[in-house]
Amino acid sequence: MRKSSEYRTLWLGLGLLAGLMLAWLWPHEPAFATNSDRDQDFVIFTVPVGNQAAGIADPIDAVFILDFQTGQMRGAVLNRQARQFAAFYYIDLTKEFGIAPGAKAKYAVATGNGQLTNQGGAAFASGVIYVAELTTGKCAAYTFPWQDGVRPPGVITPVRIGFFPWKQAKE
């Protein structure tokens, strides 16, 4: 005759085995996240640039800094082989949004995956930068050319994908 403690051990072992088999068979989905931190004068954030399509994960991020006082957004991407920043980006958002000189602009930034198709031989980052501005009531989406291992000359201007109005502009 078996003791009840033997049955408990058997059921515990079967439960562990079933749990491990279920975990092994369950589809695995990696978690991706961008980072950001803000102060009253600027925000720093990351944008995915590596390809994550067709089941291939080759992640690397660009880092961007938006200065709220000047409206200038600057960014860079590390070169994996050289271990230093190699691609540089700059855009003046006050001109992009048509903000009057001396006006106090208020920006909010978010990033996301875009996986935009390449155009004209230029390979674009897999991420998209979304910038909203309060006084104009506009939101813009930007991407930027990037190719791993290639050092583009000079500073590149991010490419505006489009604008949309999200609220009425302040007078």
C-alpha atoms as a PDB file:
ATOM      1  CA  MET A   1       0.000   0.000   0.000  1.00  0.00           C
ATOM      2  CA  ARG A   2       1.348   3.432  -0.965  1.00  0.00           C
ATOM      3  CA  LYS A   3       1.595   6.350   1.379  1.00  0.00           C
ATOM      4  CA  SER A   4      -0.084   9.657   0.550  1.00  0.00           C
ATOM      5  CA  SER A   5       3.326  11.396   0.574  1.00  0.00           C
ATOM      6  CA  GLU A   6       4.399   9.247  -2.388  1.00  0.00           C
ATOM      7  CA  TYR A   7       1.363  10.392  -4.391  1.00  0.00           C
ATOM      8  CA  ARG A   8       2.103  14.041  -3.599  1.00  0.00           C
ATOM      9  CA  THR A   9       5.639  13.660  -4.892  1.00  0.00           C
ATOM     10  CA  LEU A  10       4.373  11.927  -8.025  1.00  0.00           C
ATOM     11  CA  TRP A  11       1.796  14.678  -8.713  1.00  0.00           C
ATOM     12  CA  LEU A  12       4.391  17.402  -8.046  1.00  0.00           C
ATOM     13  CA  GLY A  13       6.784  15.810 -10.531  1.00  0.00           C
ATOM     14  CA  LEU A  14       4.055  15.399 -13.163  1.00  0.00           C
ATOM     15  CA  GLY A  15       2.968  19.026 -12.665  1.00  0.00           C
ATOM     16  CA  LEU A  16       6.524  20.303 -13.089  1.00  0.00           C
ATOM     17  CA  LEU A  17       7.020  18.182 -16.197  1.00  0.00           C
ATOM     18  CA  ALA A  18       3.733  19.413 -17.726  1.00  0.00           C
ATOM     19  CA  GLY A  19       4.644  23.042 -16.925  1.00  0.00           C
ATOM     20  CA  LEU A  20       8.064  22.734 -18.538  1.00  0.00           C
ATOM     21  CA  MET A  21       6.590  21.116 -21.646  1.00  0.00           C
ATOM     22  CA  LEU A  22       3.964  23.852 -21.937  1.00  0.00           C
ATOM     23  CA  ALA A  23       6.602  26.595 -21.533  1.00  0.00           C
ATOM     24  CA  TRP A  24       8.751  24.981 -24.222  1.00  0.00           C
ATOM     25  CA  LEU A  25       5.855  24.694 -26.692  1.00  0.00           C
ATOM     26  CA  TRP A  26       4.354  28.153 -26.035  1.00  0.00           C
ATOM     27  CA  PRO A  27       5.298  30.796 -28.669  1.00  0.00           C
ATOM     28  CA  HIS A  28       8.084  33.058 -27.462  1.00  0.00           C
ATOM     29  CA  GLU A  29       7.651  36.786 -27.965  1.00  0.00           C
ATOM     30  CA  PRO A  30      10.543  39.070 -27.035  1.00  0.00           C
ATOM     31  CA  ALA A  31       9.776  42.305 -25.239  1.00  0.00           C
ATOM     32  CA  PHE A  32      11.154  45.495 -26.786  1.00  0.00           C
ATOM     33  CA  ALA A  33      11.158  48.872 -25.093  1.00  0.00           C
ATOM     34  CA  THR A  34      12.599  52.277 -25.758  1.00  0.00           C
ATOM     35  CA  ASN A  35      13.955  54.467 -23.031  1.00  0.00           C
ATOM     36  CA  SER A  36      13.426  58.123 -22.275  1.00  0.00           C
ATOM     37  CA  ASP A  37      14.063  60.614 -19.532  1.00  0.00           C
ATOM     38  CA  ARG A  38      13.082  64.233 -19.408  1.00  0.00           C
ATOM     39  CA  ASP A  39      13.849  67.383 -17.526  1.00  0.00           C
ATOM     40  CA  GLN A  40      12.202  70.788 -17.798  1.00  0.00           C
ATOM     41  CA  ASP A  41      14.747  71.801 -20.455  1.00  0.00           C
ATOM     42  CA  PHE A  42      15.335  68.646 -22.527  1.00  0.00           C
ATOM     43  CA  VAL A  43      14.404  65.036 -23.198  1.00  0.00           C
ATOM     44  CA  ILE A  44      16.717  62.154 -24.085  1.00  0.00           C
ATOM     45  CA  PHE A  45      15.281  59.058 -25.760  1.00  0.00           C
ATOM     46  CA  THR A  46      16.256  55.996 -27.771  1.00  0.00           C
ATOM     47  CA  VAL A  47      14.943  54.841 -31.140  1.00  0.00           C
ATOM     48  CA  PRO A  48      15.345  51.315 -32.517  1.00  0.00           C
ATOM     49  CA  VAL A  49      17.423  51.293 -35.702  1.00  0.00           C
ATOM     50  CA  GLY A  50      18.301  47.606 -36.113  1.00  0.00           C
ATOM     51  CA  ASN A  51      16.178  45.350 -38.252  1.00  0.00           C
ATOM     52  CA  GLN A  52      13.550  43.199 -36.573  1.00  0.00           C
ATOM     53  CA  ALA A  53      11.735  41.825 -39.588  1.00  0.00           C
ATOM     54  CA  ALA A  54      11.187  38.316 -40.931  1.00  0.00           C
ATOM     55  CA  GLY A  55      12.097  36.740 -37.597  1.00  0.00           C
ATOM     56  CA  ILE A  56      15.588  38.279 -37.573  1.00  0.00           C
ATOM     57  CA  ALA A  57      16.426  40.319 -34.491  1.00  0.00           C
ATOM     58  CA  ASP A  58      19.432  42.627 -34.881  1.00  0.00           C
ATOM     59  CA  PRO A  59      18.678  45.378 -32.358  1.00  0.00           C
ATOM     60  CA  ILE A  60      20.659  48.550 -31.852  1.00  0.00           C
ATOM     61  CA  ASP A  61      19.351  51.957 -30.800  1.00  0.00           C
ATOM     62  CA  ALA A  62      20.010  55.542 -31.733  1.00  0.00           C
ATOM     63  CA  VAL A  63      20.010  58.136 -28.965  1.00  0.00           C
ATOM     64  CA  PHE A  64      18.379  61.537 -29.506  1.00  0.00           C
ATOM     65  CA  ILE A  65      18.241  64.659 -27.362  1.00  0.00           C
ATOM     66  CA  LEU A  66      15.618  67.368 -27.858  1.00  0.00           C
ATOM     67  CA  ASP A  67      16.471  70.744 -26.324  1.00  0.00           C
ATOM     68  CA  PHE A  68      13.155  72.405 -25.405  1.00  0.00           C
ATOM     69  CA  GLN A  69      14.679  75.897 -25.239  1.00  0.00           C
ATOM     70  CA  THR A  70      16.127  75.900 -28.762  1.00  0.00           C
ATOM     71  CA  GLY A  71      13.927  73.299 -30.461  1.00  0.00           C
ATOM     72  CA  GLN A  72      17.025  71.495 -31.742  1.00  0.00           C
ATOM     73  CA  MET A  73      16.956  67.706 -31.875  1.00  0.00           C
ATOM     74  CA  ARG A  74      20.299  65.921 -32.213  1.00  0.00           C
ATOM     75  CA  GLY A  75      21.033  62.220 -32.366  1.00  0.00           C
ATOM     76  CA  ALA A  76      23.702  59.616 -32.945  1.00  0.00           C
ATOM     77  CA  VAL A  77      24.115  55.866 -33.476  1.00  0.00           C
ATOM     78  CA  LEU A  78      27.019  53.770 -32.244  1.00  0.00           C
ATOM     79  CA  ASN A  79      29.131  51.909 -34.765  1.00  0.00           C
ATOM     80  CA  ARG A  80      29.411  48.331 -33.484  1.00  0.00           C
ATOM     81  CA  GLN A  81      32.898  47.719 -34.873  1.00  0.00           C
ATOM     82  CA  ALA A  82      34.491  51.077 -33.996  1.00  0.00           C
ATOM     83  CA  ARG A  83      32.708  51.336 -30.617  1.00  0.00           C
ATOM     84  CA  GLN A  84      32.043  55.022 -31.042  1.00  0.00           C
ATOM     85  CA  PHE A  85      29.298  57.266 -32.358  1.00  0.00           C
ATOM     86  CA  ALA A  86      29.412  57.225 -36.129  1.00  0.00           C
ATOM     87  CA  ALA A  87      26.125  58.514 -37.546  1.00  0.00           C
ATOM     88  CA  PHE A  88      24.919  61.971 -36.495  1.00  0.00           C
ATOM     89  CA  TYR A  89      21.529  63.641 -36.965  1.00  0.00           C
ATOM     90  CA  TYR A  90      20.222  67.186 -36.510  1.00  0.00           C
ATOM     91  CA  ILE A  91      16.936  68.981 -37.120  1.00  0.00           C
ATOM     92  CA  ASP A  92      15.583  72.350 -35.988  1.00  0.00           C
ATOM     93  CA  LEU A  93      12.003  71.669 -34.918  1.00  0.00           C
ATOM     94  CA  THR A  94      11.119  75.361 -34.548  1.00  0.00           C
ATOM     95  CA  LYS A  95      11.456  75.693 -38.337  1.00  0.00           C
ATOM     96  CA  GLU A  96       9.706  72.373 -38.954  1.00  0.00           C
ATOM     97  CA  PHE A  97       6.675  73.360 -36.884  1.00  0.00           C
ATOM     98  CA  GLY A  98       6.693  77.018 -37.955  1.00  0.00           C
ATOM     99  CA  ILE A  99       7.120  78.361 -34.432  1.00  0.00           C
ATOM    100  CA  ALA A 100       7.607  82.114 -34.240  1.00  0.00           C
ATOM    101  CA  PRO A 101      10.970  83.361 -32.935  1.00  0.00           C
ATOM    102  CA  GLY A 102      10.809  83.940 -29.196  1.00  0.00           C
ATOM    103  CA  ALA A 103       7.680  81.802 -28.753  1.00  0.00           C
ATOM    104  CA  LYS A 104       7.771  79.209 -25.981  1.00  0.00           C
ATOM    105  CA  ALA A 105       7.253  75.842 -27.666  1.00  0.00           C
ATOM    106  CA  LYS A 106       6.142  72.788 -25.688  1.00  0.00           C
ATOM    107  CA  TYR A 107       7.190  69.412 -27.059  1.00  0.00           C
ATOM    108  CA  ALA A 108       6.305  65.808 -26.274  1.00  0.00           C
ATOM    109  CA  VAL A 109       8.178  62.881 -27.815  1.00  0.00           C
ATOM    110  CA  ALA A 110       7.400  59.195 -28.334  1.00  0.00           C
ATOM    111  CA  THR A 111       9.081  56.499 -30.397  1.00  0.00           C
ATOM    112  CA  GLY A 112       7.855  53.318 -32.004  1.00  0.00           C
ATOM    113  CA  ASN A 113       8.593  50.664 -34.574  1.00  0.00           C
ATOM    114  CA  GLY A 114       8.006  51.671 -38.166  1.00  0.00           C
ATOM    115  CA  GLN A 115       9.802  49.154 -40.397  1.00  0.00           C
ATOM    116  CA  LEU A 116       9.450  51.620 -43.288  1.00  0.00           C
ATOM    117  CA  THR A 117      10.453  50.487 -46.752  1.00  0.00           C
ATOM    118  CA  ASN A 118      13.711  51.746 -48.202  1.00  0.00           C
ATOM    119  CA  GLN A 119      13.522  54.471 -50.844  1.00  0.00           C
ATOM    120  CA  GLY A 120      16.031  55.672 -53.404  1.00  0.00           C
ATOM    121  CA  GLY A 121      18.731  53.321 -52.192  1.00  0.00           C
ATOM    122  CA  ALA A 122      18.544  54.690 -48.629  1.00  0.00           C
ATOM    123  CA  ALA A 123      18.029  52.240 -45.775  1.00  0.00           C
ATOM    124  CA  PHE A 124      15.940  53.703 -42.971  1.00  0.00           C
ATOM    125  CA  ALA A 125      15.952  52.963 -39.257  1.00  0.00           C
ATOM    126  CA  SER A 126      13.348  50.505 -38.041  1.00  0.00           C
ATOM    127  CA  GLY A 127      12.054  53.068 -35.528  1.00  0.00           C
ATOM    128  CA  VAL A 128      10.033  56.241 -35.915  1.00  0.00           C
ATOM    129  CA  ILE A 129      10.183  59.416 -33.809  1.00  0.00           C
ATOM    130  CA  TYR A 130       6.876  61.142 -33.057  1.00  0.00           C
ATOM    131  CA  VAL A 131       7.034  64.764 -31.923  1.00  0.00           C
ATOM    132  CA  ALA A 132       3.946  66.687 -30.796  1.00  0.00           C
ATOM    133  CA  GLU A 133       4.008  70.431 -30.185  1.00  0.00           C
ATOM    134  CA  LEU A 134       1.382  72.187 -28.063  1.00  0.00           C
ATOM    135  CA  THR A 135       1.280  75.741 -29.460  1.00  0.00           C
ATOM    136  CA  THR A 136       0.916  74.672 -33.104  1.00  0.00           C
ATOM    137  CA  GLY A 137      -1.225  71.628 -32.332  1.00  0.00           C
ATOM    138  CA  LYS A 138       0.791  69.508 -34.777  1.00  0.00           C
ATOM    139  CA  CYS A 139       2.286  66.054 -34.481  1.00  0.00           C
ATOM    140  CA  ALA A 140       5.064  64.979 -36.837  1.00  0.00           C
ATOM    141  CA  ALA A 141       6.646  61.611 -37.560  1.00  0.00           C
ATOM    142  CA  TYR A 142      10.336  61.327 -38.483  1.00  0.00           C
ATOM    143  CA  THR A 143      12.647  58.580 -39.618  1.00  0.00           C
ATOM    144  CA  PHE A 144      16.309  58.695 -40.558  1.00  0.00           C
ATOM    145  CA  PRO A 145      18.692  56.821 -42.851  1.00  0.00           C
ATOM    146  CA  TRP A 146      20.884  54.268 -41.160  1.00  0.00           C
ATOM    147  CA  GLN A 147      22.970  51.306 -42.205  1.00  0.00           C
ATOM    148  CA  ASP A 148      25.105  49.249 -39.841  1.00  0.00           C
ATOM    149  CA  GLY A 149      28.835  49.579 -40.420  1.00  0.00           C
ATOM    150  CA  VAL A 150      28.497  52.498 -42.859  1.00  0.00           C
ATOM    151  CA  ARG A 151      29.680  55.901 -41.703  1.00  0.00           C
ATOM    152  CA  PRO A 152      27.690  58.549 -43.551  1.00  0.00           C
ATOM    153  CA  PRO A 153      29.496  61.838 -44.125  1.00  0.00           C
ATOM    154  CA  GLY A 154      28.529  64.849 -42.020  1.00  0.00           C
ATOM    155  CA  VAL A 155      25.327  65.427 -40.125  1.00  0.00           C
ATOM    156  CA  ILE A 156      22.101  64.046 -41.596  1.00  0.00           C
ATOM    157  CA  THR A 157      18.682  65.666 -41.343  1.00  0.00           C
ATOM    158  CA  PRO A 158      15.939  63.260 -40.218  1.00  0.00           C
ATOM    159  CA  VAL A 159      13.233  62.752 -42.841  1.00  0.00           C
ATOM    160  CA  ARG A 160       9.748  64.007 -41.990  1.00  0.00           C
ATOM    161  CA  ILE A 161       7.171  61.374 -42.873  1.00  0.00           C
ATOM    162  CA  GLY A 162       4.196  63.616 -42.230  1.00  0.00           C
ATOM    163  CA  PHE A 163       2.242  66.000 -40.007  1.00  0.00           C
ATOM    164  CA  PHE A 164      -1.237  65.755 -38.575  1.00  0.00           C
ATOM    165  CA  PRO A 165      -3.116  68.311 -36.465  1.00  0.00           C
ATOM    166  CA  TRP A 166      -4.103  66.964 -33.071  1.00  0.00           C
ATOM    167  CA  LYS A 167      -5.606  70.165 -31.685  1.00  0.00           C
ATOM    168  CA  GLN A 168      -6.391  73.740 -32.634  1.00  0.00           C
ATOM    169  CA  ALA A 169      -3.298  75.971 -32.679  1.00  0.00           C
ATOM    170  CA  LYS A 170      -3.010  78.578 -29.909  1.00  0.00           C
ATOM    171  CA  GLU A 171      -3.277  82.153 -31.077  1.00  0.00           C
END
